[in-house]
PDB file of N, CA and C in Angstrom:
ATOM      1  N   UNK A   1     -10.786  15.861  -3.382  1.00  0.00           N
ATOM      2  CA  UNK A   1      -9.628  16.204  -4.174  1.00  0.00           C
ATOM      3  C   UNK A   1      -8.896  14.939  -4.597  1.00  0.00           C
ATOM      4  N   UNK A   2      -8.530  14.814  -5.827  1.00  0.00           N
ATOM      5  CA  UNK A   2      -7.889  13.640  -6.347  1.00  0.00           C
ATOM      6  C   UNK A   2      -6.418  13.581  -5.943  1.00  0.00           C
ATOM      7  N   UNK A   3      -5.924  12.376  -5.776  1.00  0.00           N
ATOM      8  CA  UNK A   3      -4.521  12.130  -5.451  1.00  0.00           C
ATOM      9  C   UNK A   3      -3.845  11.565  -6.696  1.00  0.00           C
ATOM     10  N   UNK A   4      -2.728  12.159  -7.051  1.00  0.00           N
ATOM     11  CA  UNK A   4      -1.946  11.695  -8.200  1.00  0.00           C
ATOM     12  C   UNK A   4      -1.215  10.394  -7.853  1.00  0.00           C
ATOM     13  N   UNK A   5      -1.276   9.429  -8.739  1.00  0.00           N
ATOM     14  CA  UNK A   5      -0.659   8.135  -8.521  1.00  0.00           C
ATOM     15  C   UNK A   5       0.841   8.267  -8.265  1.00  0.00           C
ATOM     16  N   UNK A   6       1.511   9.146  -8.979  1.00  0.00           N
ATOM     17  CA  UNK A   6       2.957   9.310  -8.787  1.00  0.00           C
ATOM     18  C   UNK A   6       3.271   9.880  -7.402  1.00  0.00           C
ATOM     19  N   UNK A   7       2.453  10.765  -6.910  1.00  0.00           N
ATOM     20  CA  UNK A   7       2.648  11.314  -5.569  1.00  0.00           C
ATOM     21  C   UNK A   7       2.473  10.222  -4.522  1.00  0.00           C
ATOM     22  N   UNK A   8       1.448   9.412  -4.690  1.00  0.00           N
ATOM     23  CA  UNK A   8       1.197   8.307  -3.760  1.00  0.00           C
ATOM     24  C   UNK A   8       2.379   7.339  -3.778  1.00  0.00           C
ATOM     25  N   UNK A   9       2.827   6.960  -4.970  1.00  0.00           N
ATOM     26  CA  UNK A   9       3.959   6.042  -5.082  1.00  0.00           C
ATOM     27  C   UNK A   9       5.228   6.621  -4.485  1.00  0.00           C
ATOM     28  N   UNK A  10       5.506   7.867  -4.746  1.00  0.00           N
ATOM     29  CA  UNK A  10       6.709   8.535  -4.206  1.00  0.00           C
ATOM     30  C   UNK A  10       6.689   8.536  -2.671  1.00  0.00           C
ATOM     31  N   UNK A  11       5.529   8.827  -2.102  1.00  0.00           N
ATOM     32  CA  UNK A  11       5.397   8.862  -0.644  1.00  0.00           C
ATOM     33  C   UNK A  11       5.651   7.482  -0.058  1.00  0.00           C
ATOM     34  N   UNK A  12       5.098   6.454  -0.672  1.00  0.00           N
ATOM     35  CA  UNK A  12       5.290   5.089  -0.171  1.00  0.00           C
ATOM     36  C   UNK A  12       6.752   4.677  -0.314  1.00  0.00           C
ATOM     37  N   UNK A  13       7.334   4.889  -1.479  1.00  0.00           N
ATOM     38  CA  UNK A  13       8.729   4.476  -1.727  1.00  0.00           C
ATOM     39  C   UNK A  13       9.718   5.222  -0.829  1.00  0.00           C
ATOM     40  N   UNK A  14       9.427   6.449  -0.473  1.00  0.00           N
ATOM     41  CA  UNK A  14      10.344   7.180   0.408  1.00  0.00           C
ATOM     42  C   UNK A  14      10.197   6.808   1.873  1.00  0.00           C
ATOM     43  N   UNK A  15       9.146   6.037   2.207  1.00  0.00           N
ATOM     44  CA  UNK A  15       8.889   5.705   3.603  1.00  0.00           C
ATOM     45  C   UNK A  15       9.167   4.247   3.966  1.00  0.00           C
ATOM     46  N   UNK A  16       9.249   3.377   2.978  1.00  0.00           N
ATOM     47  CA  UNK A  16       9.420   1.950   3.221  1.00  0.00           C
ATOM     48  C   UNK A  16      10.504   1.385   2.312  1.00  0.00           C
ATOM     49  N   UNK A  17      11.229   0.372   2.813  1.00  0.00           N
ATOM     50  CA  UNK A  17      12.104  -0.407   1.944  1.00  0.00           C
ATOM     51  C   UNK A  17      11.187  -1.430   1.262  1.00  0.00           C
ATOM     52  N   UNK A  18      11.112  -1.379  -0.049  1.00  0.00           N
ATOM     53  CA  UNK A  18      10.096  -2.125  -0.777  1.00  0.00           C
ATOM     54  C   UNK A  18      10.704  -3.243  -1.600  1.00  0.00           C
ATOM     55  N   UNK A  19      10.118  -4.437  -1.462  1.00  0.00           N
ATOM     56  CA  UNK A  19      10.476  -5.562  -2.323  1.00  0.00           C
ATOM     57  C   UNK A  19       9.567  -5.580  -3.548  1.00  0.00           C
ATOM     58  N   UNK A  20       8.299  -5.209  -3.329  1.00  0.00           N
ATOM     59  CA  UNK A  20       7.320  -5.209  -4.415  1.00  0.00           C
ATOM     60  C   UNK A  20       6.223  -4.211  -4.055  1.00  0.00           C
ATOM     61  N   UNK A  21       5.737  -3.471  -5.070  1.00  0.00           N
ATOM     62  CA  UNK A  21       4.671  -2.494  -4.843  1.00  0.00           C
ATOM     63  C   UNK A  21       3.739  -2.498  -6.034  1.00  0.00           C
ATOM     64  N   UNK A  22       2.456  -2.586  -5.752  1.00  0.00           N
ATOM     65  CA  UNK A  22       1.412  -2.440  -6.770  1.00  0.00           C
ATOM     66  C   UNK A  22       0.439  -1.392  -6.273  1.00  0.00           C
ATOM     67  N   UNK A  23       0.125  -0.423  -7.113  1.00  0.00           N
ATOM     68  CA  UNK A  23      -0.870   0.579  -6.786  1.00  0.00           C
ATOM     69  C   UNK A  23      -1.889   0.596  -7.909  1.00  0.00           C
ATOM     70  N   UNK A  24      -3.144   0.409  -7.558  1.00  0.00           N
ATOM     71  CA  UNK A  24      -4.209   0.385  -8.560  1.00  0.00           C
ATOM     72  C   UNK A  24      -5.194   1.507  -8.271  1.00  0.00           C
ATOM     73  N   UNK A  25      -5.383   2.366  -9.275  1.00  0.00           N
ATOM     74  CA  UNK A  25      -6.399   3.402  -9.181  1.00  0.00           C
ATOM     75  C   UNK A  25      -7.737   2.725  -9.534  1.00  0.00           C
ATOM     76  N   UNK A  26      -8.570   2.549  -8.528  1.00  0.00           N
ATOM     77  CA  UNK A  26      -9.837   1.860  -8.729  1.00  0.00           C
ATOM     78  C   UNK A  26     -10.994   2.819  -9.034  1.00  0.00           C
ATOM     79  N   UNK A  27     -10.636   4.065  -9.323  1.00  0.00           N
ATOM     80  CA  UNK A  27     -11.667   5.080  -9.598  1.00  0.00           C
ATOM     81  C   UNK A  27     -11.681   5.493 -11.058  1.00  0.00           C
ATOM     82  N   UNK A  28     -11.235   4.618 -11.931  1.00  0.00           N
ATOM     83  CA  UNK A  28     -11.220   4.886 -13.384  1.00  0.00           C
ATOM     84  C   UNK A  28     -10.434   6.153 -13.737  1.00  0.00           C
ATOM     85  N   UNK A  29      -9.337   6.367 -13.033  1.00  0.00           N
ATOM     86  CA  UNK A  29      -8.473   7.497 -13.333  1.00  0.00           C
ATOM     87  C   UNK A  29      -8.768   8.760 -12.561  1.00  0.00           C
ATOM     88  N   UNK A  30      -9.775   8.742 -11.708  1.00  0.00           N
ATOM     89  CA  UNK A  30     -10.135   9.945 -10.947  1.00  0.00           C
ATOM     90  C   UNK A  30      -9.165  10.235  -9.786  1.00  0.00           C
ATOM     91  N   UNK A  31      -8.472   9.196  -9.315  1.00  0.00           N
ATOM     92  CA  UNK A  31      -7.544   9.377  -8.198  1.00  0.00           C
ATOM     93  C   UNK A  31      -8.214   9.493  -6.856  1.00  0.00           C
ATOM     94  N   UNK A  32      -9.411   8.937  -6.725  1.00  0.00           N
ATOM     95  CA  UNK A  32     -10.137   9.025  -5.448  1.00  0.00           C
ATOM     96  C   UNK A  32     -10.273   7.685  -4.727  1.00  0.00           C
ATOM     97  N   UNK A  33      -9.802   6.615  -5.359  1.00  0.00           N
ATOM     98  CA  UNK A  33      -9.887   5.292  -4.750  1.00  0.00           C
ATOM     99  C   UNK A  33      -8.688   4.457  -5.204  1.00  0.00           C
ATOM    100  N   UNK A  34      -7.895   4.020  -4.235  1.00  0.00           N
ATOM    101  CA  UNK A  34      -6.703   3.260  -4.538  1.00  0.00           C
ATOM    102  C   UNK A  34      -6.644   1.959  -3.726  1.00  0.00           C
ATOM    103  N   UNK A  35      -6.062   0.946  -4.348  1.00  0.00           N
ATOM    104  CA  UNK A  35      -5.730  -0.299  -3.681  1.00  0.00           C
ATOM    105  C   UNK A  35      -4.221  -0.451  -3.785  1.00  0.00           C
ATOM    106  N   UNK A  36      -3.587  -0.757  -2.664  1.00  0.00           N
ATOM    107  CA  UNK A  36      -2.136  -0.887  -2.610  1.00  0.00           C
ATOM    108  C   UNK A  36      -1.770  -2.276  -2.107  1.00  0.00           C
ATOM    109  N   UNK A  37      -0.819  -2.895  -2.772  1.00  0.00           N
ATOM    110  CA  UNK A  37      -0.220  -4.128  -2.310  1.00  0.00           C
ATOM    111  C   UNK A  37       1.251  -3.805  -2.088  1.00  0.00           C
ATOM    112  N   UNK A  38       1.719  -3.985  -0.859  1.00  0.00           N
ATOM    113  CA  UNK A  38       3.060  -3.584  -0.471  1.00  0.00           C
ATOM    114  C   UNK A  38       3.787  -4.736   0.202  1.00  0.00           C
ATOM    115  N   UNK A  39       4.972  -5.062  -0.319  1.00  0.00           N
ATOM    116  CA  UNK A  39       5.805  -6.121   0.252  1.00  0.00           C
ATOM    117  C   UNK A  39       7.085  -5.481   0.754  1.00  0.00           C
ATOM    118  N   UNK A  40       7.378  -5.697   2.026  1.00  0.00           N
ATOM    119  CA  UNK A  40       8.554  -5.081   2.621  1.00  0.00           C
ATOM    120  C   UNK A  40       9.103  -5.931   3.762  1.00  0.00           C
ATOM    121  N   UNK A  41      10.425  -6.002   3.847  1.00  0.00           N
ATOM    122  CA  UNK A  41      11.073  -6.679   4.982  1.00  0.00           C
ATOM    123  C   UNK A  41      10.807  -5.929   6.268  1.00  0.00           C
ATOM    124  N   UNK A  42      10.475  -4.658   6.172  1.00  0.00           N
ATOM    125  CA  UNK A  42      10.193  -3.846   7.368  1.00  0.00           C
ATOM    126  C   UNK A  42       8.964  -4.363   8.114  1.00  0.00           C
ATOM    127  N   UNK A  43       8.141  -5.164   7.467  1.00  0.00           N
ATOM    128  CA  UNK A  43       6.934  -5.686   8.103  1.00  0.00           C
ATOM    129  C   UNK A  43       7.200  -6.943   8.940  1.00  0.00           C
ATOM    130  N   UNK A  44       8.402  -7.443   8.855  1.00  0.00           N
ATOM    131  CA  UNK A  44       8.763  -8.654   9.604  1.00  0.00           C
ATOM    132  C   UNK A  44       8.495  -8.446  11.084  1.00  0.00           C
ATOM    133  N   UNK A  45       7.765  -9.366  11.710  1.00  0.00           N
ATOM    134  CA  UNK A  45       7.480  -9.300  13.145  1.00  0.00           C
ATOM    135  C   UNK A  45       6.336  -8.380  13.524  1.00  0.00           C
ATOM    136  N   UNK A  46       5.706  -7.715  12.549  1.00  0.00           N
ATOM    137  CA  UNK A  46       4.591  -6.811  12.823  1.00  0.00           C
ATOM    138  C   UNK A  46       3.277  -7.498  12.448  1.00  0.00           C
ATOM    139  N   UNK A  47       2.254  -7.248  13.232  1.00  0.00           N
ATOM    140  CA  UNK A  47       0.948  -7.783  12.904  1.00  0.00           C
ATOM    141  C   UNK A  47       0.377  -7.019  11.698  1.00  0.00           C
ATOM    142  N   UNK A  48      -0.645  -7.594  11.088  1.00  0.00           N
ATOM    143  CA  UNK A  48      -1.311  -6.909   9.974  1.00  0.00           C
ATOM    144  C   UNK A  48      -1.849  -5.569  10.424  1.00  0.00           C
ATOM    145  N   UNK A  49      -2.447  -5.504  11.587  1.00  0.00           N
ATOM    146  CA  UNK A  49      -2.980  -4.251  12.104  1.00  0.00           C
ATOM    147  C   UNK A  49      -1.878  -3.203  12.269  1.00  0.00           C
ATOM    148  N   UNK A  50      -0.743  -3.608  12.818  1.00  0.00           N
ATOM    149  CA  UNK A  50       0.383  -2.678  13.010  1.00  0.00           C
ATOM    150  C   UNK A  50       0.901  -2.160  11.659  1.00  0.00           C
ATOM    151  N   UNK A  51       0.956  -3.046  10.691  1.00  0.00           N
ATOM    152  CA  UNK A  51       1.397  -2.657   9.330  1.00  0.00           C
ATOM    153  C   UNK A  51       0.443  -1.638   8.725  1.00  0.00           C
ATOM    154  N   UNK A  52      -0.851  -1.906   8.830  1.00  0.00           N
ATOM    155  CA  UNK A  52      -1.859  -1.009   8.260  1.00  0.00           C
ATOM    156  C   UNK A  52      -1.868   0.338   8.976  1.00  0.00           C
ATOM    157  N   UNK A  53      -1.713   0.316  10.264  1.00  0.00           N
ATOM    158  CA  UNK A  53      -1.649   1.590  11.005  1.00  0.00           C
ATOM    159  C   UNK A  53      -0.433   2.403  10.563  1.00  0.00           C
ATOM    160  N   UNK A  54       0.676   1.716  10.340  1.00  0.00           N
ATOM    161  CA  UNK A  54       1.900   2.389   9.910  1.00  0.00           C
ATOM    162  C   UNK A  54       1.687   3.047   8.562  1.00  0.00           C
ATOM    163  N   UNK A  55       1.121   2.325   7.612  1.00  0.00           N
ATOM    164  CA  UNK A  55       0.845   2.871   6.280  1.00  0.00           C
ATOM    165  C   UNK A  55      -0.162   4.014   6.391  1.00  0.00           C
ATOM    166  N   UNK A  56      -1.211   3.821   7.162  1.00  0.00           N
ATOM    167  CA  UNK A  56      -2.220   4.876   7.333  1.00  0.00           C
ATOM    168  C   UNK A  56      -1.597   6.157   7.887  1.00  0.00           C
ATOM    169  N   UNK A  57      -0.631   6.018   8.800  1.00  0.00           N
ATOM    170  CA  UNK A  57       0.033   7.184   9.372  1.00  0.00           C
ATOM    171  C   UNK A  57       0.888   7.884   8.318  1.00  0.00           C
ATOM    172  N   UNK A  58       1.638   7.103   7.555  1.00  0.00           N
ATOM    173  CA  UNK A  58       2.501   7.669   6.508  1.00  0.00           C
ATOM    174  C   UNK A  58       1.668   8.383   5.445  1.00  0.00           C
ATOM    175  N   UNK A  59       0.518   7.800   5.118  1.00  0.00           N
ATOM    176  CA  UNK A  59      -0.330   8.343   4.036  1.00  0.00           C
ATOM    177  C   UNK A  59      -1.540   9.133   4.531  1.00  0.00           C
ATOM    178  N   UNK A  60      -1.519   9.595   5.789  1.00  0.00           N
ATOM    179  CA  UNK A  60      -2.703  10.215   6.349  1.00  0.00           C
ATOM    180  C   UNK A  60      -3.199  11.400   5.535  1.00  0.00           C
ATOM    181  N   UNK A  61      -2.315  12.227   4.997  1.00  0.00           N
ATOM    182  CA  UNK A  61      -2.754  13.376   4.197  1.00  0.00           C
ATOM    183  C   UNK A  61      -3.396  12.930   2.905  1.00  0.00           C
ATOM    184  N   UNK A  62      -2.798  11.942   2.257  1.00  0.00           N
ATOM    185  CA  UNK A  62      -3.320  11.432   0.996  1.00  0.00           C
ATOM    186  C   UNK A  62      -4.659  10.704   1.197  1.00  0.00           C
ATOM    187  N   UNK A  63      -4.725   9.851   2.224  1.00  0.00           N
ATOM    188  CA  UNK A  63      -5.935   9.077   2.482  1.00  0.00           C
ATOM    189  C   UNK A  63      -7.093  10.011   2.827  1.00  0.00           C
ATOM    190  N   UNK A  64      -6.805  11.101   3.528  1.00  0.00           N
ATOM    191  CA  UNK A  64      -7.898  12.018   3.890  1.00  0.00           C
ATOM    192  C   UNK A  64      -8.549  12.670   2.685  1.00  0.00           C
ATOM    193  N   UNK A  65      -7.874  12.631   1.548  1.00  0.00           N
ATOM    194  CA  UNK A  65      -8.420  13.227   0.340  1.00  0.00           C
ATOM    195  C   UNK A  65      -9.053  12.186  -0.602  1.00  0.00           C
ATOM    196  N   UNK A  66      -9.037  10.935  -0.197  1.00  0.00           N
ATOM    197  CA  UNK A  66      -9.579   9.855  -1.031  1.00  0.00           C
ATOM    198  C   UNK A  66     -10.983   9.463  -0.578  1.00  0.00           C
ATOM    199  N   UNK A  67     -11.703   8.870  -1.511  1.00  0.00           N
ATOM    200  CA  UNK A  67     -13.006   8.301  -1.186  1.00  0.00           C
ATOM    201  C   UNK A  67     -12.811   6.923  -0.551  1.00  0.00           C
ATOM    202  N   UNK A  68     -11.843   6.146  -1.081  1.00  0.00           N
ATOM    203  CA  UNK A  68     -11.613   4.798  -0.572  1.00  0.00           C
ATOM    204  C   UNK A  68     -10.138   4.432  -0.710  1.00  0.00           C
ATOM    205  N   UNK A  69      -9.645   3.629   0.264  1.00  0.00           N
ATOM    206  CA  UNK A  69      -8.266   3.163   0.245  1.00  0.00           C
ATOM    207  C   UNK A  69      -8.230   1.770   0.842  1.00  0.00           C
ATOM    208  N   UNK A  70      -7.632   0.821   0.125  1.00  0.00           N
ATOM    209  CA  UNK A  70      -7.456  -0.526   0.666  1.00  0.00           C
ATOM    210  C   UNK A  70      -5.996  -0.917   0.523  1.00  0.00           C
ATOM    211  N   UNK A  71      -5.566  -1.822   1.377  1.00  0.00           N
ATOM    212  CA  UNK A  71      -4.176  -2.222   1.365  1.00  0.00           C
ATOM    213  C   UNK A  71      -4.025  -3.692   1.733  1.00  0.00           C
ATOM    214  N   UNK A  72      -3.008  -4.293   1.131  1.00  0.00           N
ATOM    215  CA  UNK A  72      -2.539  -5.619   1.483  1.00  0.00           C
ATOM    216  C   UNK A  72      -1.066  -5.465   1.758  1.00  0.00           C
ATOM    217  N   UNK A  73      -0.623  -6.053   2.880  1.00  0.00           N
ATOM    218  CA  UNK A  73       0.776  -5.928   3.262  1.00  0.00           C
ATOM    219  C   UNK A  73       1.351  -7.308   3.545  1.00  0.00           C
ATOM    220  N   UNK A  74       2.565  -7.535   3.052  1.00  0.00           N
ATOM    221  CA  UNK A  74       3.216  -8.827   3.208  1.00  0.00           C
ATOM    222  C   UNK A  74       4.704  -8.640   3.467  1.00  0.00           C
ATOM    223  N   UNK A  75       5.291  -9.613   4.171  1.00  0.00           N
ATOM    224  CA  UNK A  75       6.738  -9.753   4.172  1.00  0.00           C
ATOM    225  C   UNK A  75       7.076 -10.484   2.875  1.00  0.00           C
ATOM    226  N   UNK A  76       8.335 -10.471   2.423  1.00  0.00           N
ATOM    227  CA  UNK A  76       8.665 -11.205   1.209  1.00  0.00           C
ATOM    228  C   UNK A  76       8.276 -12.693   1.273  1.00  0.00           C
ATOM    229  N   UNK A  77       8.482 -13.320   2.414  1.00  0.00           N
ATOM    230  CA  UNK A  77       8.132 -14.738   2.581  1.00  0.00           C
ATOM    231  C   UNK A  77       6.613 -14.945   2.469  1.00  0.00           C
ATOM    232  N   UNK A  78       5.842 -14.090   3.093  1.00  0.00           N
ATOM    233  CA  UNK A  78       4.391 -14.166   3.016  1.00  0.00           C
ATOM    234  C   UNK A  78       3.901 -13.940   1.586  1.00  0.00           C
ATOM    235  N   UNK A  79       4.544 -13.026   0.888  1.00  0.00           N
ATOM    236  CA  UNK A  79       4.142 -12.723  -0.478  1.00  0.00           C
ATOM    237  C   UNK A  79       4.423 -13.925  -1.393  1.00  0.00           C
ATOM    238  N   UNK A  80       5.528 -14.586  -1.201  1.00  0.00           N
ATOM    239  CA  UNK A  80       5.843 -15.787  -1.975  1.00  0.00           C
ATOM    240  C   UNK A  80       4.774 -16.848  -1.748  1.00  0.00           C
ATOM    241  N   UNK A  81       4.342 -17.029  -0.505  1.00  0.00           N
ATOM    242  CA  UNK A  81       3.292 -17.993  -0.187  1.00  0.00           C
ATOM    243  C   UNK A  81       1.966 -17.570  -0.803  1.00  0.00           C
ATOM    244  N   UNK A  82       1.675 -16.277  -0.788  1.00  0.00           N
ATOM    245  CA  UNK A  82       0.460 -15.727  -1.396  1.00  0.00           C
ATOM    246  C   UNK A  82       0.443 -16.023  -2.887  1.00  0.00           C
ATOM    247  N   UNK A  83       1.574 -15.815  -3.556  1.00  0.00           N
ATOM    248  CA  UNK A  83       1.661 -16.081  -4.997  1.00  0.00           C
ATOM    249  C   UNK A  83       1.546 -17.561  -5.295  1.00  0.00           C
ATOM    250  N   UNK A  84       2.110 -18.380  -4.414  1.00  0.00           N
ATOM    251  CA  UNK A  84       2.072 -19.836  -4.610  1.00  0.00           C
ATOM    252  C   UNK A  84       0.655 -20.372  -4.539  1.00  0.00           C
ATOM    253  N   UNK A  85      -0.209 -19.686  -3.827  1.00  0.00           N
ATOM    254  CA  UNK A  85      -1.625 -20.092  -3.736  1.00  0.00           C
ATOM    255  C   UNK A  85      -2.399 -19.724  -5.004  1.00  0.00           C
ATOM    256  N   UNK A  86      -1.762 -18.955  -5.886  1.00  0.00           N
ATOM    257  CA  UNK A  86      -2.414 -18.586  -7.118  1.00  0.00           C
ATOM    258  C   UNK A  86      -3.205 -17.292  -7.051  1.00  0.00           C
ATOM    259  N   UNK A  87      -2.915 -16.432  -6.125  1.00  0.00           N
ATOM    260  CA  UNK A  87      -3.601 -15.140  -5.986  1.00  0.00           C
ATOM    261  C   UNK A  87      -3.027 -14.119  -6.914  1.00  0.00           C
TER     262      UNK A  87
END
């Protein structure tokens, strides 16, 4: 079952304080494969694994209906360094 991009975005925005959010439908509009880049101060002091588990828990219903889901999570400071590297 396909997941609507707006539903996915709404769920993320209602669960995290967001500095920056990018959601890419990698399934050519089918809604079965998404990549998310999420920047939040809420990630401060959390490991990457803890951040991903947190997102997976928040999006468990949506992810269970997808073929593929990938995520990148950063604090604002980490994201600035990521951008400075030219990514």
